[in-house]
Amino acid sequence: MSDICLRCGRALKSKESAKRGYGSYCYKKIKAEEKERDEVQKFNEVMEEIKVR
């Protein structure tokens, strides 16, 4: 648990945020970045598969 957001350094106000270590805004941003990274990785895998054929 953390009282300060691990991403932006702001004070965390809720217990849920403290458990995560991230405030709600930063947590949403992190999840969006993870989703985008996963989509790019899947796209690159598909492109590699096409090159192999």
PDB file of N, CA and C in Angstrom:
ATOM      1  N   MET A   1       0.834  -1.184   0.000  1.00  0.00           N
ATOM      2  CA  MET A   1       0.000   0.000   0.000  1.00  0.00           C
ATOM      3  C   MET A   1       0.878   1.246   0.000  1.00  0.00           C
ATOM      4  N   SER A   2       0.358   2.276  -0.620  1.00  0.00           N
ATOM      5  CA  SER A   2       1.101   3.517  -0.719  1.00  0.00           C
ATOM      6  C   SER A   2       0.160   4.694  -0.500  1.00  0.00           C
ATOM      7  N   ASP A   3       0.671   5.736   0.119  1.00  0.00           N
ATOM      8  CA  ASP A   3      -0.118   6.951   0.324  1.00  0.00           C
ATOM      9  C   ASP A   3       0.084   7.946  -0.804  1.00  0.00           C
ATOM     10  N   ILE A   4       1.053   7.647  -1.677  1.00  0.00           N
ATOM     11  CA  ILE A   4       1.389   8.546  -2.771  1.00  0.00           C
ATOM     12  C   ILE A   4       1.346   7.758  -4.080  1.00  0.00           C
ATOM     13  N   CYS A   5       0.767   8.368  -5.114  1.00  0.00           N
ATOM     14  CA  CYS A   5       0.668   7.722  -6.423  1.00  0.00           C
ATOM     15  C   CYS A   5       2.065   7.438  -6.959  1.00  0.00           C
ATOM     16  N   LEU A   6       2.283   6.205  -7.377  1.00  0.00           N
ATOM     17  CA  LEU A   6       3.581   5.780  -7.891  1.00  0.00           C
ATOM     18  C   LEU A   6       3.873   6.354  -9.272  1.00  0.00           C
ATOM     19  N   ARG A   7       2.854   6.901  -9.935  1.00  0.00           N
ATOM     20  CA  ARG A   7       3.037   7.461 -11.270  1.00  0.00           C
ATOM     21  C   ARG A   7       3.270   8.965 -11.235  1.00  0.00           C
ATOM     22  N   CYS A   8       2.458   9.690 -10.453  1.00  0.00           N
ATOM     23  CA  CYS A   8       2.541  11.150 -10.487  1.00  0.00           C
ATOM     24  C   CYS A   8       2.982  11.782  -9.167  1.00  0.00           C
ATOM     25  N   GLY A   9       2.991  11.010  -8.092  1.00  0.00           N
ATOM     26  CA  GLY A   9       3.453  11.520  -6.818  1.00  0.00           C
ATOM     27  C   GLY A   9       2.419  12.258  -5.987  1.00  0.00           C
ATOM     28  N   ARG A  10       1.182  12.302  -6.455  1.00  0.00           N
ATOM     29  CA  ARG A  10       0.131  12.970  -5.682  1.00  0.00           C
ATOM     30  C   ARG A  10      -0.348  12.086  -4.544  1.00  0.00           C
ATOM     31  N   ALA A  11      -0.942  12.742  -3.546  1.00  0.00           N
ATOM     32  CA  ALA A  11      -1.499  12.005  -2.412  1.00  0.00           C
ATOM     33  C   ALA A  11      -2.702  11.192  -2.867  1.00  0.00           C
ATOM     34  N   LEU A  12      -2.802   9.956  -2.371  1.00  0.00           N
ATOM     35  CA  LEU A  12      -3.935   9.099  -2.699  1.00  0.00           C
ATOM     36  C   LEU A  12      -5.012   9.278  -1.646  1.00  0.00           C
ATOM     37  N   LYS A  13      -6.259   9.385  -2.113  1.00  0.00           N
ATOM     38  CA  LYS A  13      -7.362   9.707  -1.212  1.00  0.00           C
ATOM     39  C   LYS A  13      -8.205   8.507  -0.806  1.00  0.00           C
ATOM     40  N   SER A  14      -8.287   7.507  -1.650  1.00  0.00           N
ATOM     41  CA  SER A  14      -9.153   6.371  -1.340  1.00  0.00           C
ATOM     42  C   SER A  14      -8.336   5.148  -0.952  1.00  0.00           C
ATOM     43  N   LYS A  15      -8.960   4.252  -0.228  1.00  0.00           N
ATOM     44  CA  LYS A  15      -8.302   3.004   0.166  1.00  0.00           C
ATOM     45  C   LYS A  15      -7.992   2.157  -1.061  1.00  0.00           C
ATOM     46  N   GLU A  16      -8.908   2.155  -2.013  1.00  0.00           N
ATOM     47  CA  GLU A  16      -8.703   1.374  -3.240  1.00  0.00           C
ATOM     48  C   GLU A  16      -7.470   1.870  -3.996  1.00  0.00           C
ATOM     49  N   SER A  17      -7.329   3.176  -4.106  1.00  0.00           N
ATOM     50  CA  SER A  17      -6.154   3.742  -4.772  1.00  0.00           C
ATOM     51  C   SER A  17      -4.878   3.391  -4.008  1.00  0.00           C
ATOM     52  N   ALA A  18      -4.938   3.458  -2.696  1.00  0.00           N
ATOM     53  CA  ALA A  18      -3.769   3.128  -1.880  1.00  0.00           C
ATOM     54  C   ALA A  18      -3.366   1.670  -2.083  1.00  0.00           C
ATOM     55  N   LYS A  19      -4.336   0.780  -2.215  1.00  0.00           N
ATOM     56  CA  LYS A  19      -4.027  -0.639  -2.462  1.00  0.00           C
ATOM     57  C   LYS A  19      -3.338  -0.821  -3.808  1.00  0.00           C
ATOM     58  N   ARG A  20      -3.835  -0.091  -4.831  1.00  0.00           N
ATOM     59  CA  ARG A  20      -3.253  -0.189  -6.175  1.00  0.00           C
ATOM     60  C   ARG A  20      -1.905   0.503  -6.256  1.00  0.00           C
ATOM     61  N   GLY A  21      -1.777   1.597  -5.491  1.00  0.00           N
ATOM     62  CA  GLY A  21      -0.574   2.404  -5.578  1.00  0.00           C
ATOM     63  C   GLY A  21      -0.695   3.523  -6.593  1.00  0.00           C
ATOM     64  N   TYR A  22      -1.859   3.658  -7.202  1.00  0.00           N
ATOM     65  CA  TYR A  22      -2.108   4.668  -8.227  1.00  0.00           C
ATOM     66  C   TYR A  22      -3.466   5.313  -7.989  1.00  0.00           C
ATOM     67  N   GLY A  23      -3.549   6.614  -8.254  1.00  0.00           N
ATOM     68  CA  GLY A  23      -4.832   7.301  -8.218  1.00  0.00           C
ATOM     69  C   GLY A  23      -5.693   6.844  -9.386  1.00  0.00           C
ATOM     70  N   SER A  24      -6.959   7.183  -9.354  1.00  0.00           N
ATOM     71  CA  SER A  24      -7.879   6.697 -10.385  1.00  0.00           C
ATOM     72  C   SER A  24      -7.483   7.179 -11.783  1.00  0.00           C
ATOM     73  N   TYR A  25      -7.073   8.428 -11.914  1.00  0.00           N
ATOM     74  CA  TYR A  25      -6.681   8.954 -13.222  1.00  0.00           C
ATOM     75  C   TYR A  25      -5.449   8.224 -13.754  1.00  0.00           C
ATOM     76  N   CYS A  26      -4.428   8.108 -12.920  1.00  0.00           N
ATOM     77  CA  CYS A  26      -3.199   7.435 -13.350  1.00  0.00           C
ATOM     78  C   CYS A  26      -3.445   5.959 -13.647  1.00  0.00           C
ATOM     79  N   TYR A  27      -4.292   5.326 -12.860  1.00  0.00           N
ATOM     80  CA  TYR A  27      -4.609   3.912 -13.090  1.00  0.00           C
ATOM     81  C   TYR A  27      -5.275   3.732 -14.453  1.00  0.00           C
ATOM     82  N   LYS A  28      -6.209   4.630 -14.793  1.00  0.00           N
ATOM     83  CA  LYS A  28      -6.865   4.564 -16.107  1.00  0.00           C
ATOM     84  C   LYS A  28      -5.855   4.781 -17.222  1.00  0.00           C
ATOM     85  N   LYS A  29      -4.941   5.723 -17.031  1.00  0.00           N
ATOM     86  CA  LYS A  29      -3.918   5.975 -18.044  1.00  0.00           C
ATOM     87  C   LYS A  29      -3.011   4.761 -18.218  1.00  0.00           C
ATOM     88  N   ILE A  30      -2.626   4.144 -17.117  1.00  0.00           N
ATOM     89  CA  ILE A  30      -1.761   2.966 -17.187  1.00  0.00           C
ATOM     90  C   ILE A  30      -2.467   1.835 -17.922  1.00  0.00           C
ATOM     91  N   LYS A  31      -3.732   1.613 -17.605  1.00  0.00           N
ATOM     92  CA  LYS A  31      -4.489   0.552 -18.276  1.00  0.00           C
ATOM     93  C   LYS A  31      -4.628   0.840 -19.769  1.00  0.00           C
ATOM     94  N   ALA A  32      -4.864   2.100 -20.139  1.00  0.00           N
ATOM     95  CA  ALA A  32      -4.968   2.467 -21.554  1.00  0.00           C
ATOM     96  C   ALA A  32      -3.635   2.249 -22.260  1.00  0.00           C
ATOM     97  N   GLU A  33      -2.534   2.596 -21.605  1.00  0.00           N
ATOM     98  CA  GLU A  33      -1.207   2.388 -22.191  1.00  0.00           C
ATOM     99  C   GLU A  33      -0.915   0.905 -22.365  1.00  0.00           C
ATOM    100  N   GLU A  34      -1.309   0.089 -21.389  1.00  0.00           N
ATOM    101  CA  GLU A  34      -1.114  -1.359 -21.498  1.00  0.00           C
ATOM    102  C   GLU A  34      -1.919  -1.921 -22.655  1.00  0.00           C
ATOM    103  N   LYS A  35      -3.163  -1.463 -22.794  1.00  0.00           N
ATOM    104  CA  LYS A  35      -4.020  -1.941 -23.875  1.00  0.00           C
ATOM    105  C   LYS A  35      -3.427  -1.568 -25.229  1.00  0.00           C
ATOM    106  N   GLU A  36      -2.965  -0.328 -25.355  1.00  0.00           N
ATOM    107  CA  GLU A  36      -2.365   0.107 -26.609  1.00  0.00           C
ATOM    108  C   GLU A  36      -1.108  -0.699 -26.923  1.00  0.00           C
ATOM    109  N   ARG A  37      -0.281  -0.939 -25.915  1.00  0.00           N
ATOM    110  CA  ARG A  37       0.942  -1.727 -26.112  1.00  0.00           C
ATOM    111  C   ARG A  37       0.602  -3.144 -26.574  1.00  0.00           C
ATOM    112  N   ASP A  38      -0.426  -3.741 -25.959  1.00  0.00           N
ATOM    113  CA  ASP A  38      -0.833  -5.090 -26.337  1.00  0.00           C
ATOM    114  C   ASP A  38      -1.357  -5.130 -27.768  1.00  0.00           C
ATOM    115  N   GLU A  39      -2.113  -4.097 -28.161  1.00  0.00           N
ATOM    116  CA  GLU A  39      -2.643  -4.047 -29.524  1.00  0.00           C
ATOM    117  C   GLU A  39      -1.520  -3.901 -30.544  1.00  0.00           C
ATOM    118  N   VAL A  40      -0.525  -3.090 -30.228  1.00  0.00           N
ATOM    119  CA  VAL A  40       0.617  -2.917 -31.121  1.00  0.00           C
ATOM    120  C   VAL A  40       1.387  -4.224 -31.235  1.00  0.00           C
ATOM    121  N   GLN A  41       1.562  -4.905 -30.115  1.00  0.00           N
ATOM    122  CA  GLN A  41       2.273  -6.174 -30.128  1.00  0.00           C
ATOM    123  C   GLN A  41       1.521  -7.200 -30.986  1.00  0.00           C
ATOM    124  N   LYS A  42       0.205  -7.265 -30.842  1.00  0.00           N
ATOM    125  CA  LYS A  42      -0.584  -8.204 -31.655  1.00  0.00           C
ATOM    126  C   LYS A  42      -0.479  -7.852 -33.125  1.00  0.00           C
ATOM    127  N   PHE A  43      -0.539  -6.562 -33.444  1.00  0.00           N
ATOM    128  CA  PHE A  43      -0.411  -6.126 -34.828  1.00  0.00           C
ATOM    129  C   PHE A  43       0.938  -6.550 -35.394  1.00  0.00           C
ATOM    130  N   ASN A  44       2.005  -6.317 -34.623  1.00  0.00           N
ATOM    131  CA  ASN A  44       3.347  -6.692 -35.082  1.00  0.00           C
ATOM    132  C   ASN A  44       3.468  -8.194 -35.281  1.00  0.00           C
ATOM    133  N   GLU A  45       2.835  -8.979 -34.426  1.00  0.00           N
ATOM    134  CA  GLU A  45       2.856 -10.432 -34.583  1.00  0.00           C
ATOM    135  C   GLU A  45       2.154 -10.850 -35.862  1.00  0.00           C
ATOM    136  N   VAL A  46       1.026 -10.214 -36.161  1.00  0.00           N
ATOM    137  CA  VAL A  46       0.297 -10.516 -37.394  1.00  0.00           C
ATOM    138  C   VAL A  46       1.146 -10.137 -38.603  1.00  0.00           C
ATOM    139  N   MET A  47       1.793  -8.984 -38.540  1.00  0.00           N
ATOM    140  CA  MET A  47       2.627  -8.554 -39.661  1.00  0.00           C
ATOM    141  C   MET A  47       3.802  -9.506 -39.866  1.00  0.00           C
ATOM    142  N   GLU A  48       4.388  -9.994 -38.797  1.00  0.00           N
ATOM    143  CA  GLU A  48       5.480 -10.968 -38.908  1.00  0.00           C
ATOM    144  C   GLU A  48       4.973 -12.267 -39.531  1.00  0.00           C
ATOM    145  N   GLU A  49       3.784 -12.683 -39.138  1.00  0.00           N
ATOM    146  CA  GLU A  49       3.190 -13.902 -39.698  1.00  0.00           C
ATOM    147  C   GLU A  49       2.973 -13.743 -41.196  1.00  0.00           C
ATOM    148  N   ILE A  50       2.542 -12.584 -41.601  1.00  0.00           N
ATOM    149  CA  ILE A  50       2.327 -12.327 -43.034  1.00  0.00           C
ATOM    150  C   ILE A  50       3.664 -12.364 -43.781  1.00  0.00           C
ATOM    151  N   LYS A  51       4.714 -11.810 -43.197  1.00  0.00           N
ATOM    152  CA  LYS A  51       6.029 -11.809 -43.832  1.00  0.00           C
ATOM    153  C   LYS A  51       6.564 -13.223 -44.009  1.00  0.00           C
ATOM    154  N   VAL A  52       6.275 -14.095 -43.055  1.00  0.00           N
ATOM    155  CA  VAL A  52       6.775 -15.458 -43.081  1.00  0.00           C
ATOM    156  C   VAL A  52       6.166 -16.242 -44.239  1.00  0.00           C
ATOM    157  N   ARG A  53       4.962 -15.938 -44.562  1.00  0.00           N
ATOM    158  CA  ARG A  53       4.262 -16.675 -45.634  1.00  0.00           C
ATOM    159  C   ARG A  53       4.814 -16.278 -46.930  1.00  0.00           C
TER     160      ARG A  53
END
